[in-house]
């Protein structure tokens, strides 16, 4: 009897507002425990809890025929594309994440919700639960492998208010939205300055005409 084809994972984006079935999401992720605590309560982590963790992300599978990213750079299976290590200072500083906030790719959050302090895991995450929503980062449907180690779990009191500022989704590469907003602001300032100059130059011409008329009346 032919093996039943595995159901495709749903495409989920951080902060998309869709209700999460975390056990169902986790079923699409291949987990390998490197360090596992036998007394860990896999259902203890809740929205509002903050986890500090170290991570490294690698390309696990590329779609057929895809060997370059959107910038034309060569990519290949096994290449590292993410880490908590600062690229400039080389500081190995754990990333802090509050469960339930749109800061991580959905696959990473699903894994963290099952982890306790001092545990390490390797997680193969399919494209729909990784970066399919981020065009221009990796080819669509690229599967990624994350090595994750939880260093601290801090229990919280639920999620902050909906209008509270939330960091950009990561997974952890930063989004291009801040750059776009800065560009739009710059354009607004430039066009606003041009409009002000034109308005100012127009207003200086009017008094001259009035002065000329007054001079003409005096001569008469």
N, C-alpha and C. Protein backbone atom coordinates (compact mmCIF):
# COMPACT_ATOMS: atom_id res chain seq x y z
N UNK A 1 0.84 -1.20 0.00
CA UNK A 1 0.00 0.00 0.00
C UNK A 1 0.88 1.24 0.00
N UNK A 2 0.58 2.17 -0.89
CA UNK A 2 1.39 3.38 -1.00
C UNK A 2 1.27 4.22 0.25
N UNK A 3 2.41 4.85 0.63
CA UNK A 3 2.42 5.69 1.82
C UNK A 3 1.58 6.94 1.58
N UNK A 4 0.75 7.29 2.56
CA UNK A 4 -0.12 8.45 2.44
C UNK A 4 0.70 9.73 2.43
N UNK A 5 0.41 10.60 1.45
CA UNK A 5 1.17 11.83 1.33
C UNK A 5 0.88 12.75 2.50
N UNK A 6 1.95 13.30 3.08
CA UNK A 6 1.81 14.18 4.23
C UNK A 6 1.09 15.46 3.85
N UNK A 7 0.14 15.86 4.68
CA UNK A 7 -0.63 17.07 4.43
C UNK A 7 0.26 18.30 4.50
N UNK A 8 0.06 19.23 3.56
CA UNK A 8 0.86 20.44 3.51
C UNK A 8 0.52 21.35 4.69
N UNK A 9 1.54 21.98 5.25
CA UNK A 9 1.33 22.90 6.36
C UNK A 9 0.61 24.16 5.88
N UNK A 10 -0.22 24.75 6.72
CA UNK A 10 -0.89 26.00 6.33
C UNK A 10 0.10 27.15 6.35
N UNK A 11 -0.09 28.12 5.46
CA UNK A 11 0.77 29.30 5.45
C UNK A 11 0.29 30.27 6.51
N UNK A 12 1.13 30.49 7.52
CA UNK A 12 0.79 31.36 8.64
C UNK A 12 1.85 32.44 8.79
N UNK A 13 1.39 33.67 8.97
CA UNK A 13 2.28 34.82 9.10
C UNK A 13 2.20 35.37 10.52
N UNK A 14 3.32 35.78 11.10
CA UNK A 14 3.27 36.37 12.44
C UNK A 14 2.31 37.56 12.47
N UNK A 15 1.40 37.56 13.43
CA UNK A 15 0.48 38.68 13.59
C UNK A 15 -0.65 38.72 12.60
N UNK A 16 -0.98 37.60 11.94
CA UNK A 16 -2.05 37.62 10.93
C UNK A 16 -3.45 37.52 11.55
N UNK A 17 -3.52 37.36 12.87
CA UNK A 17 -4.81 37.34 13.54
C UNK A 17 -5.53 36.00 13.51
N UNK A 18 -4.96 35.02 12.85
CA UNK A 18 -5.61 33.70 12.77
C UNK A 18 -5.37 32.90 14.05
N UNK A 19 -6.39 32.19 14.49
CA UNK A 19 -6.28 31.38 15.70
C UNK A 19 -5.27 30.27 15.48
N UNK A 20 -4.43 30.02 16.48
CA UNK A 20 -3.37 29.02 16.36
C UNK A 20 -3.75 27.70 17.02
N UNK A 21 -3.63 26.64 16.25
CA UNK A 21 -3.74 25.29 16.80
C UNK A 21 -2.31 24.78 16.91
N UNK A 22 -1.67 25.06 18.05
CA UNK A 22 -0.25 24.80 18.18
C UNK A 22 0.13 23.32 18.03
N UNK A 23 -0.62 22.37 18.59
CA UNK A 23 -0.28 20.96 18.36
C UNK A 23 -0.34 20.58 16.89
N UNK A 24 -1.34 21.11 16.15
CA UNK A 24 -1.46 20.82 14.72
C UNK A 24 -0.30 21.44 13.95
N UNK A 25 0.09 22.64 14.34
CA UNK A 25 1.23 23.31 13.69
C UNK A 25 2.51 22.51 13.94
N UNK A 26 2.67 22.07 15.16
CA UNK A 26 3.88 21.32 15.53
C UNK A 26 3.99 20.00 14.78
N UNK A 27 2.86 19.45 14.37
CA UNK A 27 2.88 18.16 13.65
C UNK A 27 3.54 18.28 12.28
N UNK A 28 3.69 19.50 11.77
CA UNK A 28 4.32 19.70 10.46
C UNK A 28 5.83 19.97 10.60
N UNK A 29 6.32 19.97 11.83
CA UNK A 29 7.73 20.29 12.09
C UNK A 29 8.46 19.03 12.55
N UNK A 30 9.62 18.79 11.98
CA UNK A 30 10.44 17.63 12.36
C UNK A 30 11.36 18.04 13.50
N UNK A 31 11.20 17.40 14.66
CA UNK A 31 11.98 17.76 15.85
C UNK A 31 12.99 16.67 16.20
N UNK A 32 14.16 17.13 16.58
CA UNK A 32 15.21 16.23 17.10
C UNK A 32 15.73 16.86 18.38
N UNK A 33 15.49 16.17 19.50
CA UNK A 33 15.93 16.70 20.79
C UNK A 33 17.40 16.41 21.01
N UNK A 34 18.18 17.47 21.26
CA UNK A 34 19.60 17.33 21.55
C UNK A 34 19.80 17.18 23.05
N UNK A 35 19.11 18.05 23.81
CA UNK A 35 19.08 17.96 25.27
C UNK A 35 17.63 18.05 25.70
N UNK A 36 17.14 17.04 26.43
CA UNK A 36 15.73 16.99 26.80
C UNK A 36 15.57 16.75 28.30
N UNK A 37 14.69 17.54 28.93
CA UNK A 37 14.41 17.37 30.36
C UNK A 37 13.23 16.43 30.53
N UNK A 38 13.42 15.36 31.29
CA UNK A 38 12.37 14.35 31.45
C UNK A 38 11.17 14.88 32.23
N UNK A 39 11.39 15.89 33.09
CA UNK A 39 10.30 16.41 33.91
C UNK A 39 9.70 17.70 33.33
N UNK A 40 9.94 17.98 32.07
CA UNK A 40 9.43 19.21 31.44
C UNK A 40 7.94 19.09 31.16
N UNK A 41 7.18 20.11 31.58
CA UNK A 41 5.75 20.18 31.28
C UNK A 41 5.59 20.86 29.92
N UNK A 42 5.29 20.07 28.90
CA UNK A 42 5.25 20.59 27.53
C UNK A 42 4.08 21.55 27.28
N UNK A 43 3.16 21.65 28.21
CA UNK A 43 2.01 22.55 28.03
C UNK A 43 2.06 23.75 28.97
N UNK A 44 3.20 23.95 29.64
CA UNK A 44 3.29 25.01 30.65
C UNK A 44 3.44 26.40 30.05
N UNK A 45 4.10 26.51 28.91
CA UNK A 45 4.36 27.83 28.31
C UNK A 45 3.08 28.41 27.71
N UNK A 46 2.76 29.65 28.10
CA UNK A 46 1.53 30.31 27.67
C UNK A 46 1.81 31.70 27.09
N UNK A 47 0.80 32.28 26.44
CA UNK A 47 0.90 33.66 25.95
C UNK A 47 1.30 34.58 27.11
N UNK A 48 2.28 35.44 26.85
CA UNK A 48 2.74 36.37 27.88
C UNK A 48 4.01 35.91 28.57
N UNK A 49 4.33 34.62 28.51
CA UNK A 49 5.60 34.14 29.07
C UNK A 49 6.74 34.59 28.15
N UNK A 50 7.88 34.90 28.74
CA UNK A 50 9.04 35.34 27.97
C UNK A 50 10.15 34.30 28.03
N UNK A 51 10.64 33.91 26.86
CA UNK A 51 11.71 32.93 26.77
C UNK A 51 12.96 33.59 26.20
N UNK A 52 14.09 33.33 26.82
CA UNK A 52 15.38 33.75 26.27
C UNK A 52 16.00 32.50 25.64
N UNK A 53 16.44 32.64 24.39
CA UNK A 53 16.97 31.45 23.71
C UNK A 53 18.05 31.83 22.69
N UNK A 54 18.94 30.87 22.47
CA UNK A 54 19.96 31.00 21.44
C UNK A 54 19.49 30.22 20.22
N UNK A 55 19.92 30.66 19.04
CA UNK A 55 19.48 29.95 17.84
C UNK A 55 20.45 30.15 16.69
N UNK A 56 20.44 29.18 15.80
CA UNK A 56 21.14 29.27 14.51
C UNK A 56 20.19 28.73 13.46
N UNK A 57 20.08 29.43 12.33
CA UNK A 57 19.18 28.99 11.27
C UNK A 57 19.95 28.64 10.00
N UNK A 58 19.57 27.53 9.38
CA UNK A 58 20.23 27.05 8.17
C UNK A 58 19.18 26.73 7.09
N UNK A 59 19.60 26.77 5.84
CA UNK A 59 18.72 26.33 4.75
C UNK A 59 18.69 24.80 4.77
N UNK A 60 17.49 24.24 4.92
CA UNK A 60 17.35 22.78 5.00
C UNK A 60 17.00 22.17 3.65
N UNK A 61 16.08 22.81 2.92
CA UNK A 61 15.68 22.33 1.59
C UNK A 61 15.35 23.52 0.70
N UNK A 62 15.79 23.47 -0.54
CA UNK A 62 15.48 24.50 -1.51
C UNK A 62 14.51 23.94 -2.56
N UNK A 63 13.60 24.77 -3.07
CA UNK A 63 12.72 24.31 -4.15
C UNK A 63 13.57 23.91 -5.36
N UNK A 64 13.08 22.99 -6.15
CA UNK A 64 13.82 22.49 -7.31
C UNK A 64 14.21 23.62 -8.25
N UNK A 65 15.49 23.67 -8.59
CA UNK A 65 15.99 24.66 -9.54
C UNK A 65 16.35 26.00 -8.93
N UNK A 66 16.14 26.18 -7.64
CA UNK A 66 16.45 27.44 -6.99
C UNK A 66 17.84 27.39 -6.36
N UNK A 67 18.73 28.25 -6.85
CA UNK A 67 20.09 28.29 -6.32
C UNK A 67 20.55 29.70 -5.97
N UNK A 68 19.64 30.68 -6.15
CA UNK A 68 20.00 32.07 -5.85
C UNK A 68 18.85 32.76 -5.11
N UNK A 69 19.20 33.77 -4.31
CA UNK A 69 18.17 34.53 -3.63
C UNK A 69 17.73 35.70 -4.51
N UNK A 70 16.86 36.57 -4.00
CA UNK A 70 16.31 37.67 -4.79
C UNK A 70 17.38 38.67 -5.21
N UNK A 71 18.49 38.74 -4.48
CA UNK A 71 19.59 39.65 -4.83
C UNK A 71 20.62 39.01 -5.76
N UNK A 72 20.34 37.78 -6.19
CA UNK A 72 21.24 37.11 -7.12
C UNK A 72 22.40 36.38 -6.46
N UNK A 73 22.42 36.34 -5.13
CA UNK A 73 23.50 35.66 -4.43
C UNK A 73 23.27 34.15 -4.42
N UNK A 74 24.35 33.40 -4.54
CA UNK A 74 24.25 31.94 -4.55
C UNK A 74 23.89 31.43 -3.16
N UNK A 75 22.92 30.54 -3.11
CA UNK A 75 22.52 29.91 -1.85
C UNK A 75 22.50 28.41 -2.04
N UNK A 76 22.66 27.67 -0.94
CA UNK A 76 22.67 26.22 -1.03
C UNK A 76 22.24 25.61 0.29
N UNK A 77 21.84 24.36 0.24
CA UNK A 77 21.42 23.65 1.44
C UNK A 77 22.58 23.59 2.43
N UNK A 78 22.29 23.86 3.70
CA UNK A 78 23.32 23.85 4.73
C UNK A 78 23.87 25.23 5.04
N UNK A 79 23.56 26.21 4.20
CA UNK A 79 24.07 27.57 4.42
C UNK A 79 23.37 28.21 5.61
N UNK A 80 24.15 28.85 6.50
CA UNK A 80 23.56 29.53 7.65
C UNK A 80 22.98 30.87 7.21
N UNK A 81 21.74 31.18 7.67
CA UNK A 81 21.10 32.42 7.27
C UNK A 81 20.54 33.21 8.45
N UNK A 82 20.78 32.72 9.66
CA UNK A 82 20.25 33.43 10.82
C UNK A 82 20.99 33.01 12.07
N UNK A 83 21.05 33.91 13.07
CA UNK A 83 21.71 33.60 14.32
C UNK A 83 21.42 34.70 15.33
N UNK A 84 21.52 34.37 16.63
CA UNK A 84 21.38 35.40 17.67
C UNK A 84 22.70 36.13 17.91
N UNK A 85 23.77 35.69 17.26
CA UNK A 85 25.08 36.33 17.43
C UNK A 85 25.13 37.62 16.62
N UNK A 86 25.45 38.72 17.27
CA UNK A 86 25.52 40.01 16.60
C UNK A 86 26.64 39.98 15.56
N UNK A 87 26.34 40.31 14.28
CA UNK A 87 27.35 40.20 13.22
C UNK A 87 28.51 41.19 13.38
N UNK A 88 28.28 42.29 14.11
CA UNK A 88 29.35 43.29 14.27
C UNK A 88 30.15 43.05 15.55
N UNK A 89 29.47 42.94 16.68
CA UNK A 89 30.17 42.77 17.96
C UNK A 89 30.54 41.32 18.24
N UNK A 90 29.93 40.37 17.50
CA UNK A 90 30.13 38.94 17.71
C UNK A 90 29.64 38.49 19.08
N UNK A 91 28.78 39.29 19.71
CA UNK A 91 28.26 38.96 21.03
C UNK A 91 27.20 37.86 20.92
N UNK A 92 27.35 36.84 21.75
CA UNK A 92 26.42 35.71 21.76
C UNK A 92 25.33 36.01 22.80
N UNK A 93 24.39 36.85 22.40
CA UNK A 93 23.36 37.30 23.33
C UNK A 93 22.03 36.63 22.99
N UNK A 94 21.45 35.87 23.92
CA UNK A 94 20.18 35.20 23.65
C UNK A 94 19.08 36.19 23.26
N UNK A 95 18.21 35.76 22.37
CA UNK A 95 17.07 36.57 21.95
C UNK A 95 15.94 36.35 22.95
N UNK A 96 15.25 37.43 23.35
CA UNK A 96 14.11 37.31 24.25
C UNK A 96 12.82 37.46 23.45
N UNK A 97 11.90 36.55 23.71
CA UNK A 97 10.64 36.53 22.96
C UNK A 97 9.46 36.27 23.88
N UNK A 98 8.42 37.11 23.77
CA UNK A 98 7.19 36.90 24.53
C UNK A 98 6.22 36.08 23.68
N UNK A 99 5.82 34.95 24.17
CA UNK A 99 4.89 34.09 23.45
C UNK A 99 3.59 34.84 23.14
N UNK A 100 3.10 34.67 21.91
CA UNK A 100 1.85 35.31 21.52
C UNK A 100 2.02 36.64 20.82
N UNK A 101 3.26 37.14 20.73
CA UNK A 101 3.51 38.41 20.02
C UNK A 101 4.13 38.11 18.65
N UNK A 102 3.84 38.93 17.63
CA UNK A 102 4.32 38.65 16.27
C UNK A 102 5.77 39.04 16.02
N UNK A 103 6.67 38.35 16.69
CA UNK A 103 8.09 38.66 16.55
C UNK A 103 8.86 37.55 15.86
N UNK A 104 8.37 36.31 15.95
CA UNK A 104 9.07 35.17 15.36
C UNK A 104 8.23 34.52 14.28
N UNK A 105 8.91 33.78 13.39
CA UNK A 105 8.16 32.96 12.44
C UNK A 105 7.36 31.93 13.25
N UNK A 106 6.22 31.53 12.73
CA UNK A 106 5.28 30.69 13.47
C UNK A 106 5.88 29.35 13.87
N UNK A 107 6.69 28.76 12.99
CA UNK A 107 7.30 27.48 13.31
C UNK A 107 8.20 27.52 14.52
N UNK A 108 8.96 28.61 14.66
CA UNK A 108 9.85 28.74 15.82
C UNK A 108 9.04 28.88 17.11
N UNK A 109 7.97 29.68 17.05
CA UNK A 109 7.14 29.85 18.25
C UNK A 109 6.50 28.53 18.67
N UNK A 110 6.05 27.74 17.69
CA UNK A 110 5.43 26.44 18.01
C UNK A 110 6.41 25.56 18.77
N UNK A 111 7.68 25.57 18.37
CA UNK A 111 8.69 24.75 19.04
C UNK A 111 8.98 25.28 20.45
N UNK A 112 9.14 26.59 20.58
CA UNK A 112 9.45 27.18 21.89
C UNK A 112 8.36 26.92 22.91
N UNK A 113 7.13 26.82 22.46
CA UNK A 113 6.03 26.57 23.39
C UNK A 113 6.12 25.18 24.04
N UNK A 114 6.94 24.32 23.52
CA UNK A 114 7.08 22.97 24.08
C UNK A 114 8.38 22.79 24.86
N UNK A 115 9.21 23.84 24.97
CA UNK A 115 10.54 23.71 25.54
C UNK A 115 10.63 24.26 26.95
N UNK A 116 11.54 23.66 27.74
CA UNK A 116 11.85 24.13 29.09
C UNK A 116 13.30 24.63 29.12
N UNK A 117 13.66 25.26 30.23
CA UNK A 117 15.03 25.78 30.37
C UNK A 117 16.06 24.66 30.19
N UNK A 118 17.17 25.04 29.54
CA UNK A 118 18.33 24.16 29.32
C UNK A 118 18.09 23.08 28.27
N UNK A 119 16.96 23.13 27.58
CA UNK A 119 16.72 22.16 26.52
C UNK A 119 17.24 22.68 25.18
N UNK A 120 17.71 21.74 24.37
CA UNK A 120 18.18 22.07 23.03
C UNK A 120 17.44 21.20 22.02
N UNK A 121 17.16 21.76 20.86
CA UNK A 121 16.42 21.02 19.85
C UNK A 121 16.85 21.45 18.46
N UNK A 122 16.71 20.55 17.50
CA UNK A 122 16.85 20.89 16.08
C UNK A 122 15.46 20.77 15.46
N UNK A 123 15.04 21.80 14.77
CA UNK A 123 13.69 21.81 14.22
C UNK A 123 13.73 22.14 12.73
N UNK A 124 13.22 21.22 11.92
CA UNK A 124 13.10 21.46 10.49
C UNK A 124 11.70 22.02 10.22
N UNK A 125 11.66 23.27 9.74
CA UNK A 125 10.40 24.00 9.59
C UNK A 125 10.11 24.20 8.10
N UNK A 126 8.94 23.77 7.64
CA UNK A 126 8.59 23.95 6.21
C UNK A 126 8.33 25.42 5.87
N UNK A 127 8.43 25.73 4.58
CA UNK A 127 8.26 27.11 4.12
C UNK A 127 7.01 27.82 4.61
N UNK A 128 5.81 27.18 4.58
CA UNK A 128 4.59 27.87 5.02
C UNK A 128 4.63 28.33 6.47
N UNK A 129 5.45 27.68 7.31
CA UNK A 129 5.57 28.08 8.71
C UNK A 129 6.87 28.82 8.96
N UNK A 130 7.60 29.11 7.87
CA UNK A 130 8.87 29.82 7.99
C UNK A 130 8.79 31.17 7.27
N UNK A 131 9.34 31.25 6.04
CA UNK A 131 9.48 32.56 5.40
C UNK A 131 8.68 32.73 4.12
N UNK A 132 7.65 31.92 3.90
CA UNK A 132 6.86 32.08 2.67
C UNK A 132 6.19 33.45 2.58
N UNK A 133 5.96 34.09 3.72
CA UNK A 133 5.31 35.41 3.72
C UNK A 133 6.31 36.54 3.46
N UNK A 134 7.62 36.23 3.45
CA UNK A 134 8.65 37.25 3.29
C UNK A 134 9.25 37.16 1.89
N UNK A 135 8.65 37.83 0.94
CA UNK A 135 9.18 37.79 -0.43
C UNK A 135 10.53 38.48 -0.49
N UNK A 136 11.45 37.90 -1.25
CA UNK A 136 12.76 38.51 -1.42
C UNK A 136 13.79 38.06 -0.42
N UNK A 137 13.41 37.25 0.58
CA UNK A 137 14.39 36.79 1.56
C UNK A 137 14.97 35.45 1.13
N UNK A 138 14.13 34.43 1.05
CA UNK A 138 14.52 33.10 0.55
C UNK A 138 13.52 32.70 -0.53
N UNK A 139 13.91 31.82 -1.45
CA UNK A 139 12.94 31.35 -2.45
C UNK A 139 11.70 30.78 -1.78
N UNK A 140 10.56 31.01 -2.39
CA UNK A 140 9.29 30.54 -1.84
C UNK A 140 9.35 29.03 -1.61
N UNK A 141 8.86 28.60 -0.44
CA UNK A 141 8.81 27.19 -0.03
C UNK A 141 10.15 26.63 0.40
N UNK A 142 11.08 27.49 0.80
CA UNK A 142 12.35 27.01 1.34
C UNK A 142 12.13 26.52 2.77
N UNK A 143 12.55 25.29 3.06
CA UNK A 143 12.49 24.76 4.42
C UNK A 143 13.77 25.15 5.16
N UNK A 144 13.63 25.47 6.45
CA UNK A 144 14.79 25.89 7.23
C UNK A 144 14.98 24.97 8.43
N UNK A 145 16.22 24.89 8.90
CA UNK A 145 16.55 24.10 10.08
C UNK A 145 17.06 25.04 11.15
N UNK A 146 16.40 25.03 12.32
CA UNK A 146 16.84 25.87 13.42
C UNK A 146 17.35 25.03 14.59
N UNK A 147 18.54 25.38 15.07
CA UNK A 147 19.06 24.82 16.31
C UNK A 147 18.72 25.82 17.41
N UNK A 148 17.97 25.39 18.42
CA UNK A 148 17.47 26.30 19.44
C UNK A 148 17.78 25.78 20.84
N UNK A 149 18.19 26.70 21.71
CA UNK A 149 18.48 26.36 23.11
C UNK A 149 17.82 27.40 24.01
N UNK A 150 16.93 26.97 24.88
CA UNK A 150 16.26 27.88 25.82
C UNK A 150 17.14 28.06 27.05
N UNK A 151 17.48 29.31 27.36
CA UNK A 151 18.34 29.58 28.51
C UNK A 151 17.57 30.09 29.73
N UNK A 152 16.36 30.63 29.49
CA UNK A 152 15.57 31.14 30.61
C UNK A 152 14.10 31.23 30.24
N UNK A 153 13.22 30.89 31.19
CA UNK A 153 11.78 31.05 31.01
C UNK A 153 11.25 31.93 32.14
N UNK A 154 10.58 33.01 31.78
CA UNK A 154 10.01 33.92 32.78
C UNK A 154 8.50 33.95 32.60
N UNK A 155 7.77 33.56 33.63
CA UNK A 155 6.32 33.53 33.55
C UNK A 155 5.76 34.96 33.54
N UNK A 156 4.76 35.17 32.68
CA UNK A 156 4.17 36.49 32.55
C UNK A 156 2.74 36.53 33.05
N UNK A 157 2.08 37.65 32.78
CA UNK A 157 0.68 37.84 33.19
C UNK A 157 -0.20 38.08 31.97
N UNK A 158 -0.01 37.30 30.95
CA UNK A 158 -0.79 37.48 29.74
C UNK A 158 -0.13 38.45 28.79
N UNK A 159 -0.79 38.72 27.68
CA UNK A 159 -0.24 39.59 26.64
C UNK A 159 -0.47 41.07 26.97
N UNK A 160 0.40 41.96 26.45
CA UNK A 160 0.20 43.40 26.62
C UNK A 160 -1.01 43.86 25.80
N UNK A 161 -1.51 45.09 26.04
CA UNK A 161 -2.65 45.60 25.26
C UNK A 161 -2.35 45.56 23.77
N UNK A 162 -3.40 45.37 22.93
CA UNK A 162 -3.21 45.27 21.47
C UNK A 162 -2.51 46.47 20.85
N UNK A 163 -2.67 47.67 21.46
CA UNK A 163 -2.08 48.86 20.86
C UNK A 163 -0.64 49.08 21.29
N UNK A 164 -0.10 48.18 22.12
CA UNK A 164 1.28 48.33 22.56
C UNK A 164 2.22 48.05 21.39
N UNK A 165 3.37 48.74 21.38
CA UNK A 165 4.34 48.56 20.29
C UNK A 165 4.92 47.17 20.35
N UNK A 166 4.99 46.52 19.20
CA UNK A 166 5.53 45.16 19.10
C UNK A 166 6.67 45.15 18.10
N UNK A 167 7.82 44.49 18.42
CA UNK A 167 8.94 44.44 17.48
C UNK A 167 8.56 43.78 16.17
N UNK A 168 9.33 44.06 15.14
CA UNK A 168 9.09 43.47 13.82
C UNK A 168 9.29 41.96 13.87
N UNK A 169 8.53 41.22 13.06
CA UNK A 169 8.71 39.78 12.99
C UNK A 169 10.14 39.43 12.63
N UNK A 170 10.64 38.37 13.25
CA UNK A 170 11.98 37.92 12.96
C UNK A 170 11.97 36.44 12.79
N UNK A 171 13.00 36.05 12.45
CA UNK A 171 13.06 34.61 12.38
C UNK A 171 14.43 34.15 12.14
N UNK A 172 15.21 35.28 12.10
CA UNK A 172 14.93 36.57 12.73
C UNK A 172 15.40 37.78 11.90
N UNK A 173 15.54 37.71 10.62
CA UNK A 173 16.02 38.81 9.82
C UNK A 173 15.03 39.97 9.84
N UNK A 174 15.52 41.25 9.93
CA UNK A 174 14.66 42.41 10.07
C UNK A 174 13.88 42.70 8.80
N UNK A 175 12.71 43.28 8.96
CA UNK A 175 11.84 43.62 7.84
C UNK A 175 12.30 44.89 7.17
N UNK A 176 11.86 45.16 5.93
CA UNK A 176 12.21 46.37 5.20
C UNK A 176 11.23 47.50 5.47
N UNK A 177 10.21 47.27 6.31
CA UNK A 177 9.23 48.31 6.58
C UNK A 177 9.83 49.58 7.16
N UNK A 178 10.74 49.51 8.17
CA UNK A 178 11.31 50.75 8.70
C UNK A 178 11.98 51.58 7.62
N UNK A 179 12.69 50.95 6.68
CA UNK A 179 13.36 51.68 5.60
C UNK A 179 12.35 52.35 4.69
N UNK A 180 11.25 51.63 4.39
CA UNK A 180 10.21 52.18 3.52
C UNK A 180 9.55 53.38 4.17
N UNK A 181 9.25 53.27 5.47
CA UNK A 181 8.61 54.39 6.16
C UNK A 181 9.53 55.61 6.21
N UNK A 182 10.84 55.37 6.42
CA UNK A 182 11.80 56.47 6.44
C UNK A 182 11.87 57.15 5.08
N UNK A 183 11.82 56.35 4.01
CA UNK A 183 11.85 56.90 2.66
C UNK A 183 10.63 57.76 2.38
N UNK A 184 9.45 57.25 2.79
CA UNK A 184 8.22 58.02 2.59
C UNK A 184 8.25 59.34 3.36
N UNK A 185 8.79 59.30 4.59
CA UNK A 185 8.91 60.52 5.38
C UNK A 185 9.85 61.52 4.72
N UNK A 186 10.96 61.01 4.17
CA UNK A 186 11.92 61.88 3.50
C UNK A 186 11.28 62.54 2.28
N UNK A 187 10.54 61.75 1.49
CA UNK A 187 9.86 62.30 0.32
C UNK A 187 8.84 63.36 0.72
N UNK A 188 8.13 63.12 1.82
CA UNK A 188 7.14 64.09 2.29
C UNK A 188 7.81 65.40 2.68
N UNK A 189 8.97 65.30 3.33
CA UNK A 189 9.71 66.51 3.74
C UNK A 189 10.22 67.27 2.52
N UNK A 190 10.71 66.52 1.51
CA UNK A 190 11.23 67.16 0.30
C UNK A 190 10.13 67.91 -0.43
N UNK A 191 9.00 67.22 -0.69
CA UNK A 191 7.91 67.86 -1.40
C UNK A 191 7.29 69.00 -0.59
N UNK A 192 7.28 68.83 0.74
CA UNK A 192 6.77 69.90 1.59
C UNK A 192 7.66 71.12 1.51
N UNK A 193 8.98 70.90 1.45
CA UNK A 193 9.92 72.02 1.33
C UNK A 193 9.77 72.74 0.01
N UNK A 194 9.59 71.96 -1.07
CA UNK A 194 9.41 72.58 -2.39
C UNK A 194 8.15 73.44 -2.42
N UNK A 195 7.07 72.89 -1.84
CA UNK A 195 5.81 73.64 -1.81
C UNK A 195 5.95 74.93 -1.02
N UNK A 196 6.71 74.87 0.08
CA UNK A 196 6.91 76.05 0.91
C UNK A 196 7.70 77.12 0.17
N UNK A 197 8.76 76.67 -0.57
CA UNK A 197 9.58 77.63 -1.33
C UNK A 197 8.76 78.30 -2.43
N UNK A 198 7.96 77.49 -3.16
CA UNK A 198 7.13 78.05 -4.22
C UNK A 198 6.10 79.03 -3.67
N UNK A 199 5.51 78.68 -2.55
CA UNK A 199 4.54 79.57 -1.93
C UNK A 199 5.19 80.86 -1.48
N UNK A 200 6.41 80.70 -0.92
CA UNK A 200 7.12 81.89 -0.46
C UNK A 200 7.51 82.80 -1.60
N UNK A 201 7.98 82.22 -2.72
CA UNK A 201 8.39 83.03 -3.87
C UNK A 201 7.20 83.73 -4.48
N UNK A 202 6.04 83.09 -4.43
CA UNK A 202 4.83 83.71 -4.98
C UNK A 202 4.38 84.87 -4.14
N UNK A 203 4.54 84.73 -2.83
CA UNK A 203 4.08 85.80 -1.94
C UNK A 203 4.97 87.02 -2.01
N UNK A 204 6.26 86.88 -2.43
CA UNK A 204 7.15 88.04 -2.49
C UNK A 204 6.90 88.89 -3.71
N UNK A 205 6.25 88.28 -4.74
CA UNK A 205 5.99 89.05 -5.95
C UNK A 205 4.85 90.04 -5.76
N UNK A 206 3.90 89.70 -4.97
CA UNK A 206 2.71 90.54 -4.80
C UNK A 206 3.04 91.90 -4.21
N UNK A 207 3.82 91.99 -3.13
CA UNK A 207 4.15 93.31 -2.58
C UNK A 207 4.86 94.20 -3.58
N UNK A 208 5.73 93.60 -4.43
CA UNK A 208 6.45 94.42 -5.41
C UNK A 208 5.49 95.08 -6.38
N UNK A 209 4.45 94.34 -6.81
CA UNK A 209 3.47 94.90 -7.72
C UNK A 209 2.70 96.03 -7.05
N UNK A 210 2.34 95.80 -5.76
CA UNK A 210 1.63 96.82 -5.03
C UNK A 210 2.48 98.07 -4.85
N UNK A 211 3.80 97.88 -4.55
CA UNK A 211 4.70 99.01 -4.39
C UNK A 211 4.82 99.79 -5.70
N UNK A 212 4.87 99.05 -6.81
CA UNK A 212 4.98 99.72 -8.11
C UNK A 212 3.75 100.58 -8.37
N UNK A 213 2.57 100.09 -8.01
CA UNK A 213 1.34 100.84 -8.20
C UNK A 213 1.34 102.10 -7.34
N UNK A 214 1.83 101.98 -6.08
CA UNK A 214 1.87 103.13 -5.19
C UNK A 214 2.84 104.19 -5.74
N UNK A 215 4.00 103.74 -6.27
CA UNK A 215 4.96 104.68 -6.84
C UNK A 215 4.37 105.41 -8.01
N UNK A 216 3.59 104.67 -8.83
CA UNK A 216 2.96 105.31 -9.99
C UNK A 216 1.99 106.38 -9.57
N UNK A 217 1.21 106.13 -8.51
CA UNK A 217 0.25 107.10 -8.03
C UNK A 217 0.97 108.35 -7.49
N UNK A 218 2.10 108.18 -6.82
CA UNK A 218 2.84 109.32 -6.29
C UNK A 218 3.36 110.23 -7.39
N UNK A 219 3.85 109.60 -8.50
CA UNK A 219 4.40 110.39 -9.60
C UNK A 219 3.32 111.25 -10.24
N UNK A 220 2.09 110.71 -10.26
CA UNK A 220 1.00 111.48 -10.83
C UNK A 220 0.67 112.68 -9.94
